[in-house]
């Protein structure tokens, strides 16, 4: 892991502090940024999100989808978790904790928005950090690449319908035009641009050329992420100062869904007899979230100062320590995993 990835939680914590302070000292500047919109799209944020997402999508080889048959058990389990379990389990946890158990301690006008943010966070599987988690768990690289490419392809078509369905079930008004525009701006356009840049780099001097390009643009991606977080917390500062427990309360359903979905994926892979080198990244992909997309969609649909935007940023805050704990669990349990009867039969 890079220095930035390893200490992501620390950087997010610093962004909270800097954003809150700057938002308090220079409110007019933040409101000027928030009002820079075109067709309900905040232009500064759109640029920042593209800078964040495009380098990550450049790592994805969509040609790997052709290898889907090699690890069909792990692929099937991960797709089931990502698209049939995770968004719905997160919605259920949001309804339970935010809409009922924690409701007395949260601002009433933001309850629905917090739930919407949690739904957005869980509706798309992670794209970039998954490669890090897979490497740390000795995961099968071909499986990881195939799964990410397949998930990204599905995300283009499934993200908006799933979000729309769950928001509707939560009695939250679905601004379909804005939701579809977000899909186009923050999924389709970045995917197309990233693949164009990837192919040009590979056509030049192969993988070496692509690696050099990624090394040059990666700092811009990290700066864009930090700048977006500072902006978000600049708008959320007053609310956080007034009720500092909000972040901790929002973290509870996120933590539960990460451990639930990773555990379920891990057990299902063991039951089907899949190898540990596939089951480990399957569990990690099944649990992690594409928080960059979630943040962008939350801002576009609900605004900078919304509870939805804050909820998605809490996902960024706890991403690294929580996923590292999952990595530790799957690595430590390898001997137990391989003692399963279905796994043992396949190895014979």
Protein backbone atom coordinates (compact mmCIF):
# COMPACT_ATOMS: atom_id res chain seq x y z
CA UNK A 1 0.00 0.00 0.00
CA UNK A 2 1.14 3.53 -0.66
CA UNK A 3 1.67 5.95 2.22
CA UNK A 4 -1.59 7.71 1.34
CA UNK A 5 -3.63 4.49 1.21
CA UNK A 6 -2.18 3.19 4.49
CA UNK A 7 -3.09 6.35 6.39
CA UNK A 8 -6.29 7.27 4.55
CA UNK A 9 -8.23 7.49 7.82
CA UNK A 10 -5.69 10.02 9.16
CA UNK A 11 -5.95 12.16 6.01
CA UNK A 12 -9.74 12.10 6.18
CA UNK A 13 -9.54 13.15 9.83
CA UNK A 14 -7.34 16.09 8.85
CA UNK A 15 -9.81 17.00 6.09
CA UNK A 16 -12.61 17.06 8.67
CA UNK A 17 -10.64 19.51 10.80
CA UNK A 18 -9.50 21.71 7.90
CA UNK A 19 -12.92 21.70 6.25
CA UNK A 20 -14.77 22.60 9.43
CA UNK A 21 -12.33 25.44 10.22
CA UNK A 22 -12.33 26.86 6.69
CA UNK A 23 -16.11 26.56 6.43
CA UNK A 24 -16.45 28.55 9.64
CA UNK A 25 -13.91 31.22 8.61
CA UNK A 26 -14.85 31.58 4.93
CA UNK A 27 -18.53 30.60 4.51
CA UNK A 28 -18.99 32.86 1.47
CA UNK A 29 -16.26 31.06 -0.48
CA UNK A 30 -17.83 27.66 0.17
CA UNK A 31 -21.29 28.87 -0.84
CA UNK A 32 -19.79 30.26 -4.06
CA UNK A 33 -18.38 26.80 -4.86
CA UNK A 34 -21.70 25.19 -3.98
CA UNK A 35 -23.61 27.48 -6.33
CA UNK A 36 -21.34 26.82 -9.35
CA UNK A 37 -23.86 24.50 -11.01
CA UNK A 38 -24.95 23.68 -14.54
CA UNK A 39 -28.08 21.54 -15.01
CA UNK A 40 -28.00 20.60 -11.29
CA UNK A 41 -24.37 19.42 -11.62
CA UNK A 42 -21.75 21.12 -9.45
CA UNK A 43 -18.94 21.82 -11.91
CA UNK A 44 -16.00 21.97 -9.42
CA UNK A 45 -17.07 18.65 -7.93
CA UNK A 46 -17.53 17.08 -11.38
CA UNK A 47 -13.93 17.96 -12.25
CA UNK A 48 -12.64 16.66 -8.91
CA UNK A 49 -14.57 13.39 -9.25
CA UNK A 50 -13.20 12.81 -12.75
CA UNK A 51 -9.68 13.37 -11.44
CA UNK A 52 -10.39 10.83 -8.69
CA UNK A 53 -12.09 8.14 -10.72
CA UNK A 54 -10.36 8.09 -14.11
CA UNK A 55 -6.91 6.92 -12.85
CA UNK A 56 -8.63 4.10 -10.95
CA UNK A 57 -10.64 2.98 -13.97
CA UNK A 58 -7.52 3.02 -16.14
CA UNK A 59 -6.29 0.00 -14.15
CA UNK A 60 -9.29 -2.05 -15.26
CA UNK A 61 -8.92 -4.32 -18.28
CA UNK A 62 -12.42 -5.03 -19.58
CA UNK A 63 -10.94 -7.74 -21.80
CA UNK A 64 -10.56 -9.81 -18.61
CA UNK A 65 -14.32 -10.47 -18.67
CA UNK A 66 -13.56 -13.22 -21.17
CA UNK A 67 -11.90 -15.21 -18.36
CA UNK A 68 -15.07 -15.32 -16.27
CA UNK A 69 -15.43 -19.11 -16.61
CA UNK A 70 -12.14 -19.86 -14.89
CA UNK A 71 -13.45 -18.96 -11.43
CA UNK A 72 -17.19 -19.15 -11.96
CA UNK A 73 -17.94 -20.13 -8.37
CA UNK A 74 -16.18 -17.11 -6.89
CA UNK A 75 -17.58 -14.84 -9.59
CA UNK A 76 -21.10 -16.07 -8.89
CA UNK A 77 -20.78 -15.60 -5.13
CA UNK A 78 -19.36 -12.09 -5.47
CA UNK A 79 -22.02 -10.98 -7.96
CA UNK A 80 -24.71 -12.32 -5.64
CA UNK A 81 -23.29 -10.39 -2.67
CA UNK A 82 -22.60 -7.16 -4.60
CA UNK A 83 -25.91 -6.86 -6.40
CA UNK A 84 -28.48 -9.00 -4.56
CA UNK A 85 -27.40 -8.67 -0.91
CA UNK A 86 -25.25 -5.62 -0.11
CA UNK A 87 -27.49 -2.73 -1.28
CA UNK A 88 -30.55 -4.29 0.34
CA UNK A 89 -28.80 -5.24 3.60
CA UNK A 90 -27.45 -1.69 3.88
CA UNK A 91 -30.92 -0.25 3.27
CA UNK A 92 -32.32 -2.54 5.98
CA UNK A 93 -29.57 -1.51 8.41
CA UNK A 94 -30.17 2.15 7.58
CA UNK A 95 -33.89 1.81 8.25
CA UNK A 96 -33.19 -0.03 11.55
CA UNK A 97 -30.40 2.11 13.01
CA UNK A 98 -30.87 5.55 11.44
CA UNK A 99 -34.61 5.47 10.95
CA UNK A 100 -35.46 3.86 14.31
CA UNK A 101 -32.78 3.12 16.94
CA UNK A 102 -30.65 6.29 16.51
CA UNK A 103 -33.45 8.57 15.37
CA UNK A 104 -33.76 10.48 18.70
CA UNK A 105 -30.07 11.55 18.50
CA UNK A 106 -30.10 12.70 14.87
CA UNK A 107 -31.55 15.86 13.24
CA UNK A 108 -35.07 14.92 12.14
CA UNK A 109 -34.85 16.78 8.83
CA UNK A 110 -31.80 14.72 7.75
CA UNK A 111 -32.96 11.18 8.63
CA UNK A 112 -34.10 10.29 5.10
CA UNK A 113 -30.99 11.90 3.64
CA UNK A 114 -28.68 9.83 5.86
CA UNK A 115 -30.45 6.64 4.77
CA UNK A 116 -30.16 7.70 1.12
CA UNK A 117 -26.41 8.23 1.57
CA UNK A 118 -25.97 4.75 3.02
CA UNK A 119 -27.89 3.28 0.09
CA UNK A 120 -25.71 5.16 -2.41
CA UNK A 121 -22.59 3.94 -0.60
CA UNK A 122 -23.58 0.27 -0.87
CA UNK A 123 -25.05 0.34 -4.38
CA UNK A 124 -21.71 0.13 -6.21
CA UNK A 125 -18.76 -2.21 -5.51
CA UNK A 126 -15.25 -0.85 -5.10
CA UNK A 127 -13.05 -0.47 -8.18
CA UNK A 128 -9.54 0.61 -7.20
CA UNK A 129 -8.70 -0.30 -3.60
CA UNK A 130 -9.85 -3.88 -4.25
CA UNK A 131 -6.55 -4.54 -6.03
CA UNK A 132 -4.73 -3.55 -2.83
CA UNK A 133 -6.88 -5.76 -0.61
CA UNK A 134 -6.51 -8.71 -3.02
CA UNK A 135 -2.73 -8.36 -3.05
CA UNK A 136 -2.56 -8.22 0.76
CA UNK A 137 -4.59 -11.45 1.00
CA UNK A 138 -2.59 -13.31 -1.69
CA UNK A 139 -5.64 -13.25 -3.92
CA UNK A 140 -5.73 -14.65 -7.44
CA UNK A 141 -4.96 -11.59 -9.62
CA UNK A 142 -6.83 -12.87 -12.69
CA UNK A 143 -9.97 -13.41 -10.62
CA UNK A 144 -9.73 -9.94 -9.08
CA UNK A 145 -9.26 -8.26 -12.44
CA UNK A 146 -12.12 -10.24 -14.01
CA UNK A 147 -14.46 -9.50 -11.12
CA UNK A 148 -13.72 -5.76 -11.11
CA UNK A 149 -14.19 -5.52 -14.90
CA UNK A 150 -17.48 -7.41 -14.66
CA UNK A 151 -18.74 -5.30 -11.75
CA UNK A 152 -17.88 -2.06 -13.54
CA UNK A 153 -19.79 -3.22 -16.62
CA UNK A 154 -22.85 -4.14 -14.53
CA UNK A 155 -22.63 -0.87 -12.60
CA UNK A 156 -23.32 1.16 -15.75
CA UNK A 157 -26.77 -0.42 -16.02
CA UNK A 158 -27.65 -1.49 -12.46
CA UNK A 159 -26.62 1.42 -10.25
CA UNK A 160 -29.49 3.78 -11.06
CA UNK A 161 -32.30 1.15 -10.92
CA UNK A 162 -31.11 -0.25 -7.57
CA UNK A 163 -30.70 3.20 -6.02
CA UNK A 164 -34.08 4.29 -7.41
CA UNK A 165 -35.80 1.17 -6.06
CA UNK A 166 -34.34 1.43 -2.56
CA UNK A 167 -34.92 5.17 -2.30
CA UNK A 168 -38.50 4.58 -3.37
CA UNK A 169 -38.93 1.86 -0.75
CA UNK A 170 -37.55 4.33 1.79
CA UNK A 171 -40.25 6.84 0.73
CA UNK A 172 -37.50 9.18 -0.51
CA UNK A 173 -38.30 11.14 -3.65
CA UNK A 174 -36.18 9.89 -6.54
CA UNK A 175 -34.94 12.69 -8.83
CA UNK A 176 -34.53 10.37 -11.81
CA UNK A 177 -33.10 12.98 -14.17
CA UNK A 178 -30.35 13.87 -11.69
CA UNK A 179 -29.70 10.21 -10.85
CA UNK A 180 -29.33 9.22 -14.50
CA UNK A 181 -27.18 12.28 -15.17
CA UNK A 182 -24.93 11.22 -12.29
CA UNK A 183 -24.56 7.75 -13.81
CA UNK A 184 -23.60 9.29 -17.14
CA UNK A 185 -21.17 11.81 -15.68
CA UNK A 186 -19.54 9.72 -12.98
CA UNK A 187 -19.63 6.21 -14.46
CA UNK A 188 -20.08 6.18 -18.22
CA UNK A 189 -17.94 9.19 -19.16
CA UNK A 190 -15.02 8.28 -16.82
CA UNK A 191 -15.07 4.67 -18.02
CA UNK A 192 -14.89 5.76 -21.67
CA UNK A 193 -12.15 8.34 -21.05
CA UNK A 194 -10.15 5.95 -18.88
CA UNK A 195 -10.24 3.18 -21.48
CA UNK A 196 -9.19 5.59 -24.25
CA UNK A 197 -6.20 6.73 -22.17
CA UNK A 198 -5.39 3.13 -21.24
CA UNK A 199 -5.39 1.91 -24.83
CA UNK A 200 -3.28 4.81 -26.03
CA UNK A 201 -0.71 4.19 -23.31
CA UNK A 202 -0.59 0.45 -24.03
CA UNK A 203 -0.29 1.11 -27.75
CA UNK A 204 2.72 3.32 -27.09
CA UNK A 205 5.09 1.14 -25.05
CA UNK A 206 2.89 -1.44 -23.45
CA UNK A 207 2.38 -1.93 -19.70
CA UNK A 208 5.48 0.09 -18.87
CA UNK A 209 4.00 3.15 -20.56
CA UNK A 210 0.69 2.69 -18.71
CA UNK A 211 2.47 2.35 -15.36
CA UNK A 212 4.41 5.57 -15.97
CA UNK A 213 1.22 7.43 -16.89
CA UNK A 214 -0.58 6.17 -13.79
CA UNK A 215 2.37 7.20 -11.61
CA UNK A 216 2.19 10.74 -13.02
CA UNK A 217 -1.56 11.24 -12.63
CA UNK A 218 -2.07 9.38 -9.33
CA UNK A 219 -1.09 12.43 -7.20
CA UNK A 220 -3.79 14.49 -8.94
CA UNK A 221 -6.33 11.80 -8.03
CA UNK A 222 -5.33 11.87 -4.36
CA UNK A 223 -5.37 15.69 -4.21
CA UNK A 224 -8.83 15.70 -5.81
CA UNK A 225 -10.13 13.28 -3.17
CA UNK A 226 -8.78 15.40 -0.31
CA UNK A 227 -10.12 18.63 -1.88
CA UNK A 228 -13.59 17.09 -2.23
CA UNK A 229 -13.55 16.02 1.42
CA UNK A 230 -12.50 19.49 2.57
CA UNK A 231 -15.39 21.00 0.59
CA UNK A 232 -17.86 18.53 2.06
CA UNK A 233 -16.81 19.14 5.63
CA UNK A 234 -16.74 22.88 5.01
CA UNK A 235 -20.48 22.63 4.34
CA UNK A 236 -21.10 20.10 7.11
CA UNK A 237 -19.05 21.88 9.78
CA UNK A 238 -21.87 23.53 11.72
CA UNK A 239 -23.85 20.30 11.86
CA UNK A 240 -20.85 18.27 13.02
CA UNK A 241 -19.92 20.81 15.73
CA UNK A 242 -23.53 20.88 16.95
CA UNK A 243 -23.82 17.06 17.03
CA UNK A 244 -20.35 15.44 16.96
CA UNK A 245 -21.81 11.96 17.56
CA UNK A 246 -23.38 11.95 14.08
CA UNK A 247 -20.28 10.43 12.46
CA UNK A 248 -20.08 7.63 15.05
CA UNK A 249 -23.78 6.81 14.68
CA UNK A 250 -23.54 6.70 10.88
CA UNK A 251 -20.51 4.41 11.11
CA UNK A 252 -22.45 1.67 12.94
CA UNK A 253 -24.56 0.36 10.01
CA UNK A 254 -21.56 0.71 7.66
CA UNK A 255 -19.37 -1.41 9.94
CA UNK A 256 -22.03 -4.08 10.34
CA UNK A 257 -22.67 -4.37 6.60
CA UNK A 258 -18.93 -4.70 5.84
CA UNK A 259 -18.45 -7.61 8.24
CA UNK A 260 -21.79 -9.20 7.31
CA UNK A 261 -21.21 -9.16 3.56
CA UNK A 262 -17.55 -10.17 3.71
CA UNK A 263 -18.38 -13.01 6.08
CA UNK A 264 -21.27 -14.22 3.97
CA UNK A 265 -19.16 -14.17 0.78
CA UNK A 266 -16.34 -16.02 2.54
CA UNK A 267 -18.67 -18.75 3.86
CA UNK A 268 -20.48 -19.18 0.52
CA UNK A 269 -17.16 -19.62 -1.27
CA UNK A 270 -16.14 -22.23 1.30
CA UNK A 271 -19.45 -24.04 0.87
CA UNK A 272 -19.01 -24.18 -2.93
CA UNK A 273 -15.44 -25.46 -2.63
CA UNK A 274 -13.71 -22.41 -4.12
CA UNK A 275 -9.97 -21.94 -3.50
CA UNK A 276 -8.89 -19.60 -0.72
CA UNK A 277 -6.98 -17.37 -3.18
CA UNK A 278 -10.34 -16.65 -4.81
CA UNK A 279 -12.51 -16.63 -1.69
CA UNK A 280 -10.36 -13.97 0.02
CA UNK A 281 -10.67 -11.30 -2.69
CA UNK A 282 -14.28 -12.34 -3.22
CA UNK A 283 -15.04 -11.51 0.41
CA UNK A 284 -13.18 -8.20 0.14
CA UNK A 285 -14.86 -7.18 -3.12
CA UNK A 286 -18.22 -8.17 -1.68
CA UNK A 287 -17.75 -5.87 1.31
CA UNK A 288 -16.01 -2.78 -0.09
CA UNK A 289 -17.71 0.25 -1.64
CA UNK A 290 -17.02 2.61 -4.55
CA UNK A 291 -17.11 5.59 -2.20
CA UNK A 292 -15.91 8.07 -4.85
CA UNK A 293 -19.03 7.41 -6.92
CA UNK A 294 -21.23 7.48 -3.82
CA UNK A 295 -19.87 10.89 -2.78
CA UNK A 296 -20.36 12.30 -6.28
CA UNK A 297 -23.92 10.98 -6.60
CA UNK A 298 -24.87 12.21 -3.11
CA UNK A 299 -23.64 15.73 -3.89
CA UNK A 300 -25.39 15.79 -7.27
CA UNK A 301 -28.73 14.49 -5.99
CA UNK A 302 -28.94 15.95 -2.48
CA UNK A 303 -26.32 18.72 -2.31
CA UNK A 304 -23.14 19.53 -0.40
CA UNK A 305 -24.83 20.19 2.93
CA UNK A 306 -27.04 17.10 2.86
CA UNK A 307 -26.96 14.21 5.27
CA UNK A 308 -26.49 11.90 2.27
CA UNK A 309 -23.15 13.52 1.43
CA UNK A 310 -22.01 13.22 5.04
CA UNK A 311 -23.04 9.55 5.23
CA UNK A 312 -21.00 8.66 2.15
CA UNK A 313 -17.94 10.45 3.55
CA UNK A 314 -18.17 8.37 6.74
CA UNK A 315 -17.63 5.41 4.44
CA UNK A 316 -14.36 6.98 3.29
CA UNK A 317 -13.34 7.61 6.90
CA UNK A 318 -13.53 3.98 8.00
CA UNK A 319 -12.66 2.26 4.70
CA UNK A 320 -8.99 1.45 5.32
CA UNK A 321 -8.98 0.22 8.96
CA UNK A 322 -12.13 -1.85 8.46
CA UNK A 323 -10.96 -3.49 5.22
CA UNK A 324 -7.51 -4.17 6.70
CA UNK A 325 -9.23 -5.98 9.55
CA UNK A 326 -11.11 -8.13 7.01
CA UNK A 327 -7.79 -8.88 5.26
CA UNK A 328 -6.35 -9.99 8.61
CA UNK A 329 -9.35 -12.24 9.28
CA UNK A 330 -9.26 -14.04 5.91
CA UNK A 331 -5.48 -14.50 6.12
CA UNK A 332 -5.59 -15.83 9.68
CA UNK A 333 -8.43 -18.26 8.88
CA UNK A 334 -6.84 -19.83 5.78
CA UNK A 335 -6.14 -23.18 7.48
CA UNK A 336 -9.71 -23.34 8.79
CA UNK A 337 -11.07 -22.42 5.35
CA UNK A 338 -9.11 -25.14 3.58
CA UNK A 339 -10.30 -27.75 6.08
CA UNK A 340 -13.83 -27.44 4.73
CA UNK A 341 -15.19 -30.61 3.16
CA UNK A 342 -16.12 -28.99 -0.16
CA UNK A 343 -12.70 -27.33 -0.50
CA UNK A 344 -10.92 -30.55 0.44
CA UNK A 345 -12.89 -32.55 -2.16
CA UNK A 346 -11.92 -30.14 -4.93
CA UNK A 347 -8.25 -30.35 -3.95
CA UNK A 348 -8.18 -34.14 -4.17
